[in-house]
Amino acid sequence: MRSDLIYDALGTVQNRYLLCQLASKATRKFHKPNTRVQETMNDVFSRVGRANEAERVMNQPSVEEVFEPQRRAA
C-alpha cells in the first residue's frame, strides 16, 4: 500500500511537506509516457524509503578497514 511506502519514506525526509515536494518533482522527472502516474509515485516513494538503507550500507566500514594488519617497525 502507498501509506506503507510513505511511512518508510518519512524516515529519510525531515517532514511531510518536504516529502510532498520531493515526490512531486521526482514523479515529474521519472514518469514515462503510457504508464500510470500512480505507479511512478509508488516507485518514487519506495526509492526514497530505501535511500536510508543504501546510505547505511555505504557508511559501513570495509573489510580492509576492520581487519587492517598492524605494521611493525623494522
Protein backbone atom coordinates (compact mmCIF):
# COMPACT_ATOMS: atom_id res chain seq x y z
CA MET A 1 0.00 0.00 0.00
CA ARG A 2 1.09 3.51 -0.64
CA SER A 3 0.71 4.51 3.02
CA ASP A 4 3.40 1.97 3.97
CA LEU A 5 5.68 3.45 1.33
CA ILE A 6 5.02 6.96 2.65
CA TYR A 7 5.83 5.99 6.24
CA ASP A 8 9.08 4.36 5.11
CA ALA A 9 9.97 7.46 3.13
CA LEU A 10 9.28 9.73 6.11
CA GLY A 11 12.22 8.12 7.88
CA THR A 12 14.50 9.60 5.23
CA VAL A 13 12.95 13.05 4.75
CA GLN A 14 12.64 15.58 7.59
CA ASN A 15 8.94 16.40 7.32
CA ARG A 16 5.83 15.73 5.26
CA TYR A 17 5.98 19.00 3.35
CA LEU A 18 9.48 18.24 2.06
CA LEU A 19 8.42 14.70 1.20
CA CYS A 20 5.49 16.06 -0.82
CA GLN A 21 7.78 18.43 -2.73
CA LEU A 22 10.33 15.70 -3.35
CA ALA A 23 7.70 13.23 -4.54
CA SER A 24 6.14 15.81 -6.84
CA LYS A 25 9.42 16.76 -8.50
CA ALA A 26 10.69 13.18 -8.75
CA THR A 27 7.39 11.95 -10.21
CA ARG A 28 7.63 14.55 -12.96
CA LYS A 29 11.23 13.55 -13.72
CA PHE A 30 10.76 9.75 -13.61
CA HIS A 31 7.35 9.49 -15.28
CA LYS A 32 7.32 7.71 -18.62
CA PRO A 33 4.56 8.20 -21.19
CA ASN A 34 1.91 5.48 -21.40
CA THR A 35 2.39 4.46 -17.76
CA ARG A 36 0.24 5.20 -14.75
CA VAL A 37 1.25 8.17 -12.62
CA GLN A 38 0.28 6.18 -9.52
CA GLU A 39 2.89 3.52 -10.32
CA THR A 40 5.53 6.20 -10.82
CA MET A 41 4.64 7.75 -7.46
CA ASN A 42 4.87 4.36 -5.75
CA ASP A 43 8.28 3.84 -7.32
CA VAL A 44 9.44 7.25 -6.09
CA PHE A 45 8.25 6.58 -2.54
CA SER A 46 9.93 3.18 -2.48
CA ARG A 47 13.20 4.68 -3.75
CA VAL A 48 13.13 7.39 -1.10
CA GLY A 49 12.35 4.82 1.57
CA ARG A 50 15.28 2.65 0.51
CA ALA A 51 17.67 5.62 0.35
CA ASN A 52 18.25 5.40 4.09
CA GLU A 53 19.19 1.72 3.80
CA ALA A 54 21.62 2.42 0.95
CA GLU A 55 23.26 5.18 2.97
CA ARG A 56 23.77 2.82 5.92
CA VAL A 57 25.37 0.21 3.65
CA MET A 58 27.71 2.78 2.14
CA ASN A 59 28.80 4.06 5.55
CA GLN A 60 29.75 0.61 6.86
CA PRO A 61 33.49 0.07 7.13
CA SER A 62 35.02 -2.22 4.58
CA VAL A 63 36.75 -5.47 5.46
CA GLU A 64 40.16 -3.87 4.92
CA GLU A 65 39.36 -1.10 7.41
CA VAL A 66 38.15 -3.51 10.07
CA PHE A 67 40.97 -6.06 9.72
CA GLU A 68 43.85 -3.75 8.94
CA PRO A 69 47.12 -5.56 9.64
CA GLN A 70 49.41 -4.00 12.22
CA ARG A 71 52.71 -2.84 10.86
CA ARG A 72 55.86 -3.27 12.90
CA ALA A 73 58.94 -1.17 12.81
CA ALA A 74 61.95 -2.83 11.20
